[in-house]
C-alpha atoms as a PDB file:
ATOM      1  CA  UNK A   1      -3.937  12.628  30.768  1.00  0.00           C
ATOM      2  CA  UNK A   2      -3.955  11.163  34.281  1.00  0.00           C
ATOM      3  CA  UNK A   3      -2.572   7.672  34.767  1.00  0.00           C
ATOM      4  CA  UNK A   4      -5.909   6.389  36.087  1.00  0.00           C
ATOM      5  CA  UNK A   5      -7.596   7.677  32.906  1.00  0.00           C
ATOM      6  CA  UNK A   6      -5.026   5.805  30.836  1.00  0.00           C
ATOM      7  CA  UNK A   7      -5.659   2.609  32.791  1.00  0.00           C
ATOM      8  CA  UNK A   8      -9.411   2.950  32.230  1.00  0.00           C
ATOM      9  CA  UNK A   9      -8.724   3.426  28.506  1.00  0.00           C
ATOM     10  CA  UNK A  10      -6.635   0.237  28.438  1.00  0.00           C
ATOM     11  CA  UNK A  11      -9.249  -1.735  30.364  1.00  0.00           C
ATOM     12  CA  UNK A  12     -12.044  -0.549  28.062  1.00  0.00           C
ATOM     13  CA  UNK A  13      -9.987  -1.629  25.038  1.00  0.00           C
ATOM     14  CA  UNK A  14      -9.267  -4.955  26.785  1.00  0.00           C
ATOM     15  CA  UNK A  15      -5.503  -4.393  26.642  1.00  0.00           C
ATOM     16  CA  UNK A  16      -3.295  -6.351  29.034  1.00  0.00           C
ATOM     17  CA  UNK A  17      -0.898  -4.149  30.992  1.00  0.00           C
ATOM     18  CA  UNK A  18       1.752  -4.352  33.697  1.00  0.00           C
ATOM     19  CA  UNK A  19       2.693  -1.613  36.165  1.00  0.00           C
ATOM     20  CA  UNK A  20       6.362  -0.989  36.963  1.00  0.00           C
ATOM     21  CA  UNK A  21       7.273   1.451  39.724  1.00  0.00           C
ATOM     22  CA  UNK A  22       5.028   3.414  42.057  1.00  0.00           C
ATOM     23  CA  UNK A  23       1.451   4.632  41.792  1.00  0.00           C
ATOM     24  CA  UNK A  24       2.631   8.223  41.250  1.00  0.00           C
ATOM     25  CA  UNK A  25       5.901   7.705  39.336  1.00  0.00           C
ATOM     26  CA  UNK A  26       6.486   4.749  37.038  1.00  0.00           C
ATOM     27  CA  UNK A  27       5.509   3.244  33.732  1.00  0.00           C
ATOM     28  CA  UNK A  28       2.939   0.922  32.243  1.00  0.00           C
ATOM     29  CA  UNK A  29       3.976  -1.795  29.800  1.00  0.00           C
ATOM     30  CA  UNK A  30       1.059  -2.553  27.469  1.00  0.00           C
ATOM     31  CA  UNK A  31       1.653  -6.180  26.615  1.00  0.00           C
ATOM     32  CA  UNK A  32      -0.532  -6.521  23.528  1.00  0.00           C
ATOM     33  CA  UNK A  33       0.122  -3.025  22.186  1.00  0.00           C
ATOM     34  CA  UNK A  34       3.557  -3.842  20.730  1.00  0.00           C
ATOM     35  CA  UNK A  35       4.929  -4.079  24.288  1.00  0.00           C
ATOM     36  CA  UNK A  36       5.013  -0.274  24.419  1.00  0.00           C
ATOM     37  CA  UNK A  37       6.069   1.536  27.595  1.00  0.00           C
ATOM     38  CA  UNK A  38       4.143   4.591  28.803  1.00  0.00           C
ATOM     39  CA  UNK A  39       5.844   6.726  31.454  1.00  0.00           C
ATOM     40  CA  UNK A  40       4.051   8.821  34.073  1.00  0.00           C
ATOM     41  CA  UNK A  41       5.270  11.262  36.736  1.00  0.00           C
ATOM     42  CA  UNK A  42       3.165  12.579  39.634  1.00  0.00           C
ATOM     43  CA  UNK A  43       0.207  10.690  38.193  1.00  0.00           C
ATOM     44  CA  UNK A  44       0.427  12.481  34.809  1.00  0.00           C
ATOM     45  CA  UNK A  45       1.198  10.681  31.556  1.00  0.00           C
ATOM     46  CA  UNK A  46       4.381  12.051  29.971  1.00  0.00           C
ATOM     47  CA  UNK A  47       4.526   9.655  27.026  1.00  0.00           C
ATOM     48  CA  UNK A  48       2.318  10.455  24.068  1.00  0.00           C
ATOM     49  CA  UNK A  49      -0.996   8.588  24.188  1.00  0.00           C
ATOM     50  CA  UNK A  50      -3.012   8.233  20.980  1.00  0.00           C
ATOM     51  CA  UNK A  51      -6.406   7.228  22.374  1.00  0.00           C
ATOM     52  CA  UNK A  52      -7.845   6.077  19.038  1.00  0.00           C
ATOM     53  CA  UNK A  53      -4.856   3.824  18.353  1.00  0.00           C
ATOM     54  CA  UNK A  54      -5.129   2.201  21.782  1.00  0.00           C
ATOM     55  CA  UNK A  55      -8.636   1.015  20.915  1.00  0.00           C
ATOM     56  CA  UNK A  56      -8.281   0.253  17.201  1.00  0.00           C
ATOM     57  CA  UNK A  57      -6.510  -2.456  15.198  1.00  0.00           C
ATOM     58  CA  UNK A  58      -3.735  -1.727  12.702  1.00  0.00           C
ATOM     59  CA  UNK A  59      -4.145  -2.984   9.125  1.00  0.00           C
ATOM     60  CA  UNK A  60      -2.004  -2.820   6.003  1.00  0.00           C
ATOM     61  CA  UNK A  61      -4.055   0.231   4.966  1.00  0.00           C
ATOM     62  CA  UNK A  62      -3.774   2.180   8.219  1.00  0.00           C
ATOM     63  CA  UNK A  63      -1.235   1.934  11.007  1.00  0.00           C
ATOM     64  CA  UNK A  64      -2.542   2.831  14.457  1.00  0.00           C
ATOM     65  CA  UNK A  65       0.383   4.547  16.199  1.00  0.00           C
ATOM     66  CA  UNK A  66      -0.303   4.324  19.949  1.00  0.00           C
ATOM     67  CA  UNK A  67       2.587   6.474  21.251  1.00  0.00           C
ATOM     68  CA  UNK A  68       4.800   5.467  24.170  1.00  0.00           C
ATOM     69  CA  UNK A  69       8.186   3.792  23.761  1.00  0.00           C
ATOM     70  CA  UNK A  70       8.524   0.788  21.441  1.00  0.00           C
ATOM     71  CA  UNK A  71      11.170  -1.721  20.337  1.00  0.00           C
ATOM     72  CA  UNK A  72      11.356  -2.158  16.574  1.00  0.00           C
ATOM     73  CA  UNK A  73      13.895  -3.844  14.295  1.00  0.00           C
ATOM     74  CA  UNK A  74      16.194  -1.708  12.158  1.00  0.00           C
ATOM     75  CA  UNK A  75      16.533  -0.928   9.329  1.00  0.00           C
ATOM     76  CA  UNK A  76      13.136   0.451   8.394  1.00  0.00           C
ATOM     77  CA  UNK A  77      13.647   0.552   4.640  1.00  0.00           C
ATOM     78  CA  UNK A  78      16.157  -0.354   1.884  1.00  0.00           C
ATOM     79  CA  UNK A  79      16.594  -3.909   0.612  1.00  0.00           C
ATOM     80  CA  UNK A  80      17.122  -5.107   4.203  1.00  0.00           C
ATOM     81  CA  UNK A  81      14.190  -3.195   5.755  1.00  0.00           C
ATOM     82  CA  UNK A  82      11.404  -4.747   7.821  1.00  0.00           C
ATOM     83  CA  UNK A  83       8.609  -2.317   6.854  1.00  0.00           C
ATOM     84  CA  UNK A  84       8.627  -3.127   3.125  1.00  0.00           C
ATOM     85  CA  UNK A  85       8.047  -6.878   2.792  1.00  0.00           C
ATOM     86  CA  UNK A  86       4.942  -6.142   0.665  1.00  0.00           C
ATOM     87  CA  UNK A  87       6.697  -3.481  -1.411  1.00  0.00           C
ATOM     88  CA  UNK A  88       4.792  -0.718   0.395  1.00  0.00           C
ATOM     89  CA  UNK A  89       5.406   0.730   3.863  1.00  0.00           C
ATOM     90  CA  UNK A  90       3.595  -1.021   6.682  1.00  0.00           C
ATOM     91  CA  UNK A  91       4.372  -2.040  10.239  1.00  0.00           C
ATOM     92  CA  UNK A  92       4.388  -5.845   9.991  1.00  0.00           C
ATOM     93  CA  UNK A  93       1.642  -7.818  11.763  1.00  0.00           C
ATOM     94  CA  UNK A  94       4.339  -9.725  13.649  1.00  0.00           C
ATOM     95  CA  UNK A  95       4.906  -6.468  15.549  1.00  0.00           C
ATOM     96  CA  UNK A  96       1.388  -5.005  15.678  1.00  0.00           C
ATOM     97  CA  UNK A  97      -0.069  -8.361  16.715  1.00  0.00           C
ATOM     98  CA  UNK A  98       2.645  -9.347  19.194  1.00  0.00           C
ATOM     99  CA  UNK A  99       1.449 -10.455  22.629  1.00  0.00           C
ATOM    100  CA  UNK A 100       4.195  -9.868  25.149  1.00  0.00           C
ATOM    101  CA  UNK A 101       4.472 -11.906  28.344  1.00  0.00           C
ATOM    102  CA  UNK A 102       5.900 -10.816  31.688  1.00  0.00           C
ATOM    103  CA  UNK A 103       8.850 -13.179  32.208  1.00  0.00           C
ATOM    104  CA  UNK A 104      10.237 -11.567  35.384  1.00  0.00           C
ATOM    105  CA  UNK A 105       8.862  -8.989  37.779  1.00  0.00           C
ATOM    106  CA  UNK A 106      10.138  -7.274  40.916  1.00  0.00           C
ATOM    107  CA  UNK A 107      10.362  -3.916  42.630  1.00  0.00           C
ATOM    108  CA  UNK A 108      10.949  -1.279  39.934  1.00  0.00           C
ATOM    109  CA  UNK A 109      11.818  -3.994  37.403  1.00  0.00           C
ATOM    110  CA  UNK A 110      10.249  -6.272  34.804  1.00  0.00           C
ATOM    111  CA  UNK A 111      11.261  -8.328  31.801  1.00  0.00           C
ATOM    112  CA  UNK A 112       8.755  -8.693  28.974  1.00  0.00           C
ATOM    113  CA  UNK A 113       9.196 -10.640  25.765  1.00  0.00           C
ATOM    114  CA  UNK A 114       7.361 -11.851  22.669  1.00  0.00           C
ATOM    115  CA  UNK A 115       8.050 -14.172  19.747  1.00  0.00           C
ATOM    116  CA  UNK A 116       7.955 -12.136  16.535  1.00  0.00           C
ATOM    117  CA  UNK A 117       8.591 -13.415  13.019  1.00  0.00           C
ATOM    118  CA  UNK A 118       9.986 -10.794  10.650  1.00  0.00           C
ATOM    119  CA  UNK A 119      10.254 -10.642   6.852  1.00  0.00           C
ATOM    120  CA  UNK A 120      12.663  -8.241   5.195  1.00  0.00           C
ATOM    121  CA  UNK A 121      12.324  -6.486   1.834  1.00  0.00           C
ATOM    122  CA  UNK A 122      13.978  -9.423   0.073  1.00  0.00           C
ATOM    123  CA  UNK A 123      11.374 -11.849   1.425  1.00  0.00           C
ATOM    124  CA  UNK A 124      13.756 -13.439   3.914  1.00  0.00           C
ATOM    125  CA  UNK A 125      12.054 -14.651   7.094  1.00  0.00           C
ATOM    126  CA  UNK A 126      13.714 -14.172  10.485  1.00  0.00           C
ATOM    127  CA  UNK A 127      12.052 -15.751  13.536  1.00  0.00           C
ATOM    128  CA  UNK A 128      12.976 -13.743  16.629  1.00  0.00           C
ATOM    129  CA  UNK A 129      12.340 -13.089  20.293  1.00  0.00           C
ATOM    130  CA  UNK A 130      11.943  -9.451  21.317  1.00  0.00           C
ATOM    131  CA  UNK A 131      12.922  -8.820  24.950  1.00  0.00           C
ATOM    132  CA  UNK A 132      12.721  -5.639  27.034  1.00  0.00           C
ATOM    133  CA  UNK A 133      14.527  -5.732  30.396  1.00  0.00           C
ATOM    134  CA  UNK A 134      13.170  -2.683  32.220  1.00  0.00           C
ATOM    135  CA  UNK A 135      14.480  -1.051  35.405  1.00  0.00           C
ATOM    136  CA  UNK A 136      13.437   2.179  37.100  1.00  0.00           C
ATOM    137  CA  UNK A 137      15.587   4.407  39.277  1.00  0.00           C
ATOM    138  CA  UNK A 138      13.869   7.070  41.365  1.00  0.00           C
ATOM    139  CA  UNK A 139      15.827  10.204  42.271  1.00  0.00           C
ATOM    140  CA  UNK A 140      15.043  13.617  43.704  1.00  0.00           C
ATOM    141  CA  UNK A 141      13.043  15.358  40.955  1.00  0.00           C
ATOM    142  CA  UNK A 142      13.970  12.744  38.334  1.00  0.00           C
ATOM    143  CA  UNK A 143      13.245   9.179  37.237  1.00  0.00           C
ATOM    144  CA  UNK A 144      15.457   7.122  34.930  1.00  0.00           C
ATOM    145  CA  UNK A 145      14.066   4.331  32.768  1.00  0.00           C
ATOM    146  CA  UNK A 146      16.857   1.858  31.939  1.00  0.00           C
ATOM    147  CA  UNK A 147      15.910  -0.658  29.247  1.00  0.00           C
ATOM    148  CA  UNK A 148      18.084  -3.348  27.713  1.00  0.00           C
ATOM    149  CA  UNK A 149      16.472  -3.801  24.302  1.00  0.00           C
ATOM    150  CA  UNK A 150      17.236  -7.206  22.792  1.00  0.00           C
ATOM    151  CA  UNK A 151      16.327  -9.067  19.626  1.00  0.00           C
ATOM    152  CA  UNK A 152      17.277 -12.760  19.672  1.00  0.00           C
ATOM    153  CA  UNK A 153      17.411 -14.614  16.366  1.00  0.00           C
ATOM    154  CA  UNK A 154      16.042 -18.172  16.716  1.00  0.00           C
ATOM    155  CA  UNK A 155      16.149 -19.268  13.086  1.00  0.00           C
ATOM    156  CA  UNK A 156      18.132 -22.339  12.031  1.00  0.00           C
ATOM    157  CA  UNK A 157      19.942 -20.639   9.136  1.00  0.00           C
ATOM    158  CA  UNK A 158      23.103 -18.565   9.576  1.00  0.00           C
ATOM    159  CA  UNK A 159      22.813 -15.264   7.744  1.00  0.00           C
ATOM    160  CA  UNK A 160      25.559 -12.920   6.563  1.00  0.00           C
ATOM    161  CA  UNK A 161      25.562  -9.166   6.028  1.00  0.00           C
ATOM    162  CA  UNK A 162      24.846  -9.931   2.358  1.00  0.00           C
ATOM    163  CA  UNK A 163      21.536 -11.505   3.427  1.00  0.00           C
ATOM    164  CA  UNK A 164      20.258  -9.081   6.032  1.00  0.00           C
ATOM    165  CA  UNK A 165      20.986  -6.515   8.717  1.00  0.00           C
ATOM    166  CA  UNK A 166      19.309  -6.303  12.101  1.00  0.00           C
ATOM    167  CA  UNK A 167      19.634  -4.012  15.096  1.00  0.00           C
ATOM    168  CA  UNK A 168      17.338  -3.128  18.016  1.00  0.00           C
ATOM    169  CA  UNK A 169      15.745   0.291  17.671  1.00  0.00           C
ATOM    170  CA  UNK A 170      14.001   2.116  20.537  1.00  0.00           C
ATOM    171  CA  UNK A 171      11.521   4.851  19.548  1.00  0.00           C
ATOM    172  CA  UNK A 172      10.277   7.082  22.387  1.00  0.00           C
ATOM    173  CA  UNK A 173       7.325   9.298  21.497  1.00  0.00           C
ATOM    174  CA  UNK A 174       6.009  12.564  22.968  1.00  0.00           C
ATOM    175  CA  UNK A 175       3.506  15.282  22.199  1.00  0.00           C
ATOM    176  CA  UNK A 176       5.148  18.428  20.844  1.00  0.00           C
ATOM    177  CA  UNK A 177       4.313  21.996  19.927  1.00  0.00           C
ATOM    178  CA  UNK A 178       5.588  25.556  19.991  1.00  0.00           C
ATOM    179  CA  UNK A 179       9.004  25.813  21.650  1.00  0.00           C
ATOM    180  CA  UNK A 180       9.684  22.064  21.581  1.00  0.00           C
ATOM    181  CA  UNK A 181      13.204  21.057  20.555  1.00  0.00           C
ATOM    182  CA  UNK A 182      15.900  18.405  20.858  1.00  0.00           C
ATOM    183  CA  UNK A 183      19.378  19.444  22.006  1.00  0.00           C
ATOM    184  CA  UNK A 184      22.642  17.492  21.662  1.00  0.00           C
ATOM    185  CA  UNK A 185      26.411  18.156  21.506  1.00  0.00           C
ATOM    186  CA  UNK A 186      27.522  19.573  18.172  1.00  0.00           C
ATOM    187  CA  UNK A 187      29.983  17.366  16.283  1.00  0.00           C
ATOM    188  CA  UNK A 188      30.817  18.493  12.767  1.00  0.00           C
ATOM    189  CA  UNK A 189      29.279  16.184  10.157  1.00  0.00           C
ATOM    190  CA  UNK A 190      27.446  13.999  12.683  1.00  0.00           C
ATOM    191  CA  UNK A 191      23.920  14.835  11.446  1.00  0.00           C
ATOM    192  CA  UNK A 192      22.229  13.916   8.180  1.00  0.00           C
ATOM    193  CA  UNK A 193      18.671  14.064   6.906  1.00  0.00           C
ATOM    194  CA  UNK A 194      16.710  10.889   6.222  1.00  0.00           C
ATOM    195  CA  UNK A 195      13.847  12.673   4.404  1.00  0.00           C
ATOM    196  CA  UNK A 196      13.748  16.204   2.981  1.00  0.00           C
ATOM    197  CA  UNK A 197      16.426  18.733   4.061  1.00  0.00           C
ATOM    198  CA  UNK A 198      15.655  20.213   7.478  1.00  0.00           C
ATOM    199  CA  UNK A 199      18.565  22.606   8.025  1.00  0.00           C
ATOM    200  CA  UNK A 200      16.076  25.429   8.593  1.00  0.00           C
ATOM    201  CA  UNK A 201      14.927  23.671  11.768  1.00  0.00           C
ATOM    202  CA  UNK A 202      18.369  23.748  13.421  1.00  0.00           C
ATOM    203  CA  UNK A 203      20.769  26.242  14.947  1.00  0.00           C
ATOM    204  CA  UNK A 204      23.956  26.108  17.018  1.00  0.00           C
ATOM    205  CA  UNK A 205      24.453  27.744  20.407  1.00  0.00           C
ATOM    206  CA  UNK A 206      27.383  27.372  22.829  1.00  0.00           C
ATOM    207  CA  UNK A 207      28.570  24.108  21.294  1.00  0.00           C
ATOM    208  CA  UNK A 208      25.140  22.468  21.163  1.00  0.00           C
ATOM    209  CA  UNK A 209      22.825  21.743  18.259  1.00  0.00           C
ATOM    210  CA  UNK A 210      19.161  22.703  18.720  1.00  0.00           C
ATOM    211  CA  UNK A 211      16.687  21.056  16.345  1.00  0.00           C
ATOM    212  CA  UNK A 212      13.090  22.287  16.508  1.00  0.00           C
ATOM    213  CA  UNK A 213      10.283  19.741  16.869  1.00  0.00           C
ATOM    214  CA  UNK A 214       7.354  22.158  16.865  1.00  0.00           C
ATOM    215  CA  UNK A 215       5.518  20.490  13.972  1.00  0.00           C
ATOM    216  CA  UNK A 216       6.485  23.085  11.367  1.00  0.00           C
ATOM    217  CA  UNK A 217       8.066  20.400   9.151  1.00  0.00           C
ATOM    218  CA  UNK A 218       8.009  16.638   8.957  1.00  0.00           C
ATOM    219  CA  UNK A 219      11.609  15.459   9.090  1.00  0.00           C
ATOM    220  CA  UNK A 220      13.953  12.867  10.524  1.00  0.00           C
ATOM    221  CA  UNK A 221      17.648  13.237  11.237  1.00  0.00           C
ATOM    222  CA  UNK A 222      20.234  10.535  11.863  1.00  0.00           C
ATOM    223  CA  UNK A 223      23.006  11.198  14.400  1.00  0.00           C
ATOM    224  CA  UNK A 224      26.198   9.149  14.336  1.00  0.00           C
ATOM    225  CA  UNK A 225      28.116   7.415  17.128  1.00  0.00           C
ATOM    226  CA  UNK A 226      30.290  10.431  17.974  1.00  0.00           C
ATOM    227  CA  UNK A 227      27.344  12.064  19.764  1.00  0.00           C
ATOM    228  CA  UNK A 228      26.733  10.631  23.239  1.00  0.00           C
ATOM    229  CA  UNK A 229      23.250  11.890  24.116  1.00  0.00           C
ATOM    230  CA  UNK A 230      20.134  13.720  22.979  1.00  0.00           C
ATOM    231  CA  UNK A 231      17.618  15.667  25.097  1.00  0.00           C
ATOM    232  CA  UNK A 232      14.006  16.572  24.376  1.00  0.00           C
ATOM    233  CA  UNK A 233      12.773  19.866  25.825  1.00  0.00           C
ATOM    234  CA  UNK A 234       9.179  21.059  25.809  1.00  0.00           C
ATOM    235  CA  UNK A 235       8.823  24.214  27.945  1.00  0.00           C
ATOM    236  CA  UNK A 236       5.017  24.316  27.675  1.00  0.00           C
ATOM    237  CA  UNK A 237       4.823  21.085  29.692  1.00  0.00           C
ATOM    238  CA  UNK A 238       7.968  21.749  31.725  1.00  0.00           C
ATOM    239  CA  UNK A 239       9.259  18.505  30.215  1.00  0.00           C
ATOM    240  CA  UNK A 240      12.906  17.544  29.833  1.00  0.00           C
ATOM    241  CA  UNK A 241      13.882  14.024  28.710  1.00  0.00           C
ATOM    242  CA  UNK A 242      17.566  13.071  28.448  1.00  0.00           C
ATOM    243  CA  UNK A 243      18.377   9.952  26.426  1.00  0.00           C
ATOM    244  CA  UNK A 244      21.614   8.047  25.938  1.00  0.00           C
ATOM    245  CA  UNK A 245      22.639   4.531  24.932  1.00  0.00           C
ATOM    246  CA  UNK A 246      25.768   2.513  25.599  1.00  0.00           C
ATOM    247  CA  UNK A 247      28.106   2.283  22.625  1.00  0.00           C
ATOM    248  CA  UNK A 248      28.246  -0.937  20.659  1.00  0.00           C
ATOM    249  CA  UNK A 249      30.965  -3.451  21.436  1.00  0.00           C
ATOM    250  CA  UNK A 250      33.792  -4.263  18.974  1.00  0.00           C
ATOM    251  CA  UNK A 251      32.696  -6.573  16.172  1.00  0.00           C
ATOM    252  CA  UNK A 252      29.301  -4.923  15.776  1.00  0.00           C
ATOM    253  CA  UNK A 253      28.462  -2.116  13.371  1.00  0.00           C
ATOM    254  CA  UNK A 254      25.988   0.758  13.472  1.00  0.00           C
ATOM    255  CA  UNK A 255      23.764   0.644  10.402  1.00  0.00           C
ATOM    256  CA  UNK A 256      21.676   2.895   8.178  1.00  0.00           C
ATOM    257  CA  UNK A 257      18.080   2.848   9.489  1.00  0.00           C
ATOM    258  CA  UNK A 258      16.609   5.035   6.718  1.00  0.00           C
ATOM    259  CA  UNK A 259      13.036   4.748   5.504  1.00  0.00           C
ATOM    260  CA  UNK A 260      14.186   4.277   1.907  1.00  0.00           C
ATOM    261  CA  UNK A 261      12.750   2.425  -1.084  1.00  0.00           C
ATOM    262  CA  UNK A 262      13.065  -1.382  -0.872  1.00  0.00           C
ATOM    263  CA  UNK A 263      15.007  -1.420  -4.148  1.00  0.00           C
ATOM    264  CA  UNK A 264      17.765   0.743  -2.671  1.00  0.00           C
ATOM    265  CA  UNK A 265      20.851  -0.327  -0.755  1.00  0.00           C
ATOM    266  CA  UNK A 266      21.696   1.059   2.689  1.00  0.00           C
ATOM    267  CA  UNK A 267      24.458   3.620   3.000  1.00  0.00           C
ATOM    268  CA  UNK A 268      27.588   2.988   5.049  1.00  0.00           C
ATOM    269  CA  UNK A 269      26.616   5.780   7.448  1.00  0.00           C
ATOM    270  CA  UNK A 270      25.640   4.235  10.769  1.00  0.00           C
ATOM    271  CA  UNK A 271      23.088   5.694  13.175  1.00  0.00           C
ATOM    272  CA  UNK A 272      23.279   5.792  16.985  1.00  0.00           C
ATOM    273  CA  UNK A 273      20.461   8.281  17.654  1.00  0.00           C
ATOM    274  CA  UNK A 274      17.646   9.749  15.607  1.00  0.00           C
ATOM    275  CA  UNK A 275      15.088  12.537  15.968  1.00  0.00           C
ATOM    276  CA  UNK A 276      11.723  12.449  14.197  1.00  0.00           C
ATOM    277  CA  UNK A 277       9.366  15.440  14.062  1.00  0.00           C
ATOM    278  CA  UNK A 278       5.826  15.152  12.716  1.00  0.00           C
ATOM    279  CA  UNK A 279       3.436  17.900  11.626  1.00  0.00           C
ATOM    280  CA  UNK A 280       0.702  16.205  13.691  1.00  0.00           C
ATOM    281  CA  UNK A 281       2.372  17.644  16.809  1.00  0.00           C
ATOM    282  CA  UNK A 282       4.322  14.650  18.007  1.00  0.00           C
ATOM    283  CA  UNK A 283       7.967  13.673  17.905  1.00  0.00           C
ATOM    284  CA  UNK A 284      10.360  10.833  18.732  1.00  0.00           C
ATOM    285  CA  UNK A 285      13.792  10.522  20.306  1.00  0.00           C
ATOM    286  CA  UNK A 286      15.305   7.257  19.112  1.00  0.00           C
ATOM    287  CA  UNK A 287      18.278   5.091  20.054  1.00  0.00           C
ATOM    288  CA  UNK A 288      19.707   2.353  17.839  1.00  0.00           C
ATOM    289  CA  UNK A 289      21.912  -0.665  18.486  1.00  0.00           C
ATOM    290  CA  UNK A 290      24.314  -2.350  16.092  1.00  0.00           C
ATOM    291  CA  UNK A 291      24.267  -5.305  13.712  1.00  0.00           C
ATOM    292  CA  UNK A 292      26.699  -8.264  13.674  1.00  0.00           C
ATOM    293  CA  UNK A 293      28.512  -9.544  10.598  1.00  0.00           C
ATOM    294  CA  UNK A 294      26.848 -12.949  11.006  1.00  0.00           C
ATOM    295  CA  UNK A 295      23.405 -13.679  12.437  1.00  0.00           C
ATOM    296  CA  UNK A 296      23.187 -17.251  13.712  1.00  0.00           C
ATOM    297  CA  UNK A 297      20.828 -19.219  15.949  1.00  0.00           C
ATOM    298  CA  UNK A 298      20.672 -17.793  19.469  1.00  0.00           C
ATOM    299  CA  UNK A 299      22.582 -14.579  18.774  1.00  0.00           C
ATOM    300  CA  UNK A 300      21.390 -11.561  20.775  1.00  0.00           C
ATOM    301  CA  UNK A 301      21.467  -8.040  19.392  1.00  0.00           C
ATOM    302  CA  UNK A 302      21.123  -5.571  22.274  1.00  0.00           C
ATOM    303  CA  UNK A 303      21.311  -1.898  23.106  1.00  0.00           C
ATOM    304  CA  UNK A 304      21.125  -0.507  26.645  1.00  0.00           C
ATOM    305  CA  UNK A 305      19.162   2.734  26.738  1.00  0.00           C
ATOM    306  CA  UNK A 306      18.854   5.252  29.578  1.00  0.00           C
ATOM    307  CA  UNK A 307      15.980   7.741  29.464  1.00  0.00           C
ATOM    308  CA  UNK A 308      15.910  10.283  32.296  1.00  0.00           C
ATOM    309  CA  UNK A 309      12.757  12.283  32.999  1.00  0.00           C
ATOM    310  CA  UNK A 310      13.387  15.477  34.986  1.00  0.00           C
ATOM    311  CA  UNK A 311      10.550  17.142  36.890  1.00  0.00           C
END
């Protein structure tokens, strides 16, 4: 899809949007589509675009997944999850209905934010501000999207790790197909499955793990903090996307983000990166921040993510 086609789609759906970067190379932040970021290079959209979801409204019965790059709260499931407040999986209306505002804007930079109230699986409400501080760096045959992803708790009650967990979680979505894979440094024991076993999708070569994202199996893997980067490769589109995130500071803890039943407790196995592969020919490379021991009024939970698009 061409970027001008995407803009026409947004305008037809009456979606507010903000351009960051240049007319040929940059990204579009869609302010009332979960604040999602859609990257384009040489006028071509690289991020996945789900045209139907751009125009439709999510409900508790059907989630419209637009594509792009989104900030969500982690964990997804377990007793602390934010997708199970009704007992069944759904993306909460605080996220799907969020209307982001542009708070700052400049050359190759913008800050967008929205007020979003969350409810976890235990019925605990957490009023928050979601903020995305976005910067672009243009290089010869590459563009890096640097985003500081922040969730600010603005509730008046101090919460402990016995009450809730919360970490920023960046999910970056692309079309996939035959030959598509994610590559990352092999560290023994650093990978675990979050759904069904997916060992058949992976192999090792020259010290690197290759996990196929060709749509043959729906799976998600968690990757721990010992791995420093992941890279999506899709030869059919000549696409290579390198993603890393700064490590969490002392005093914070990586958490289990698993999509698990709301009656279950999270494991002690923290997640820094994740890869999701869907049989509908799309995939995600994900980066996760860390959760503090205490969540009090004004505390910021951030992760700084670097996503480099080579072309």
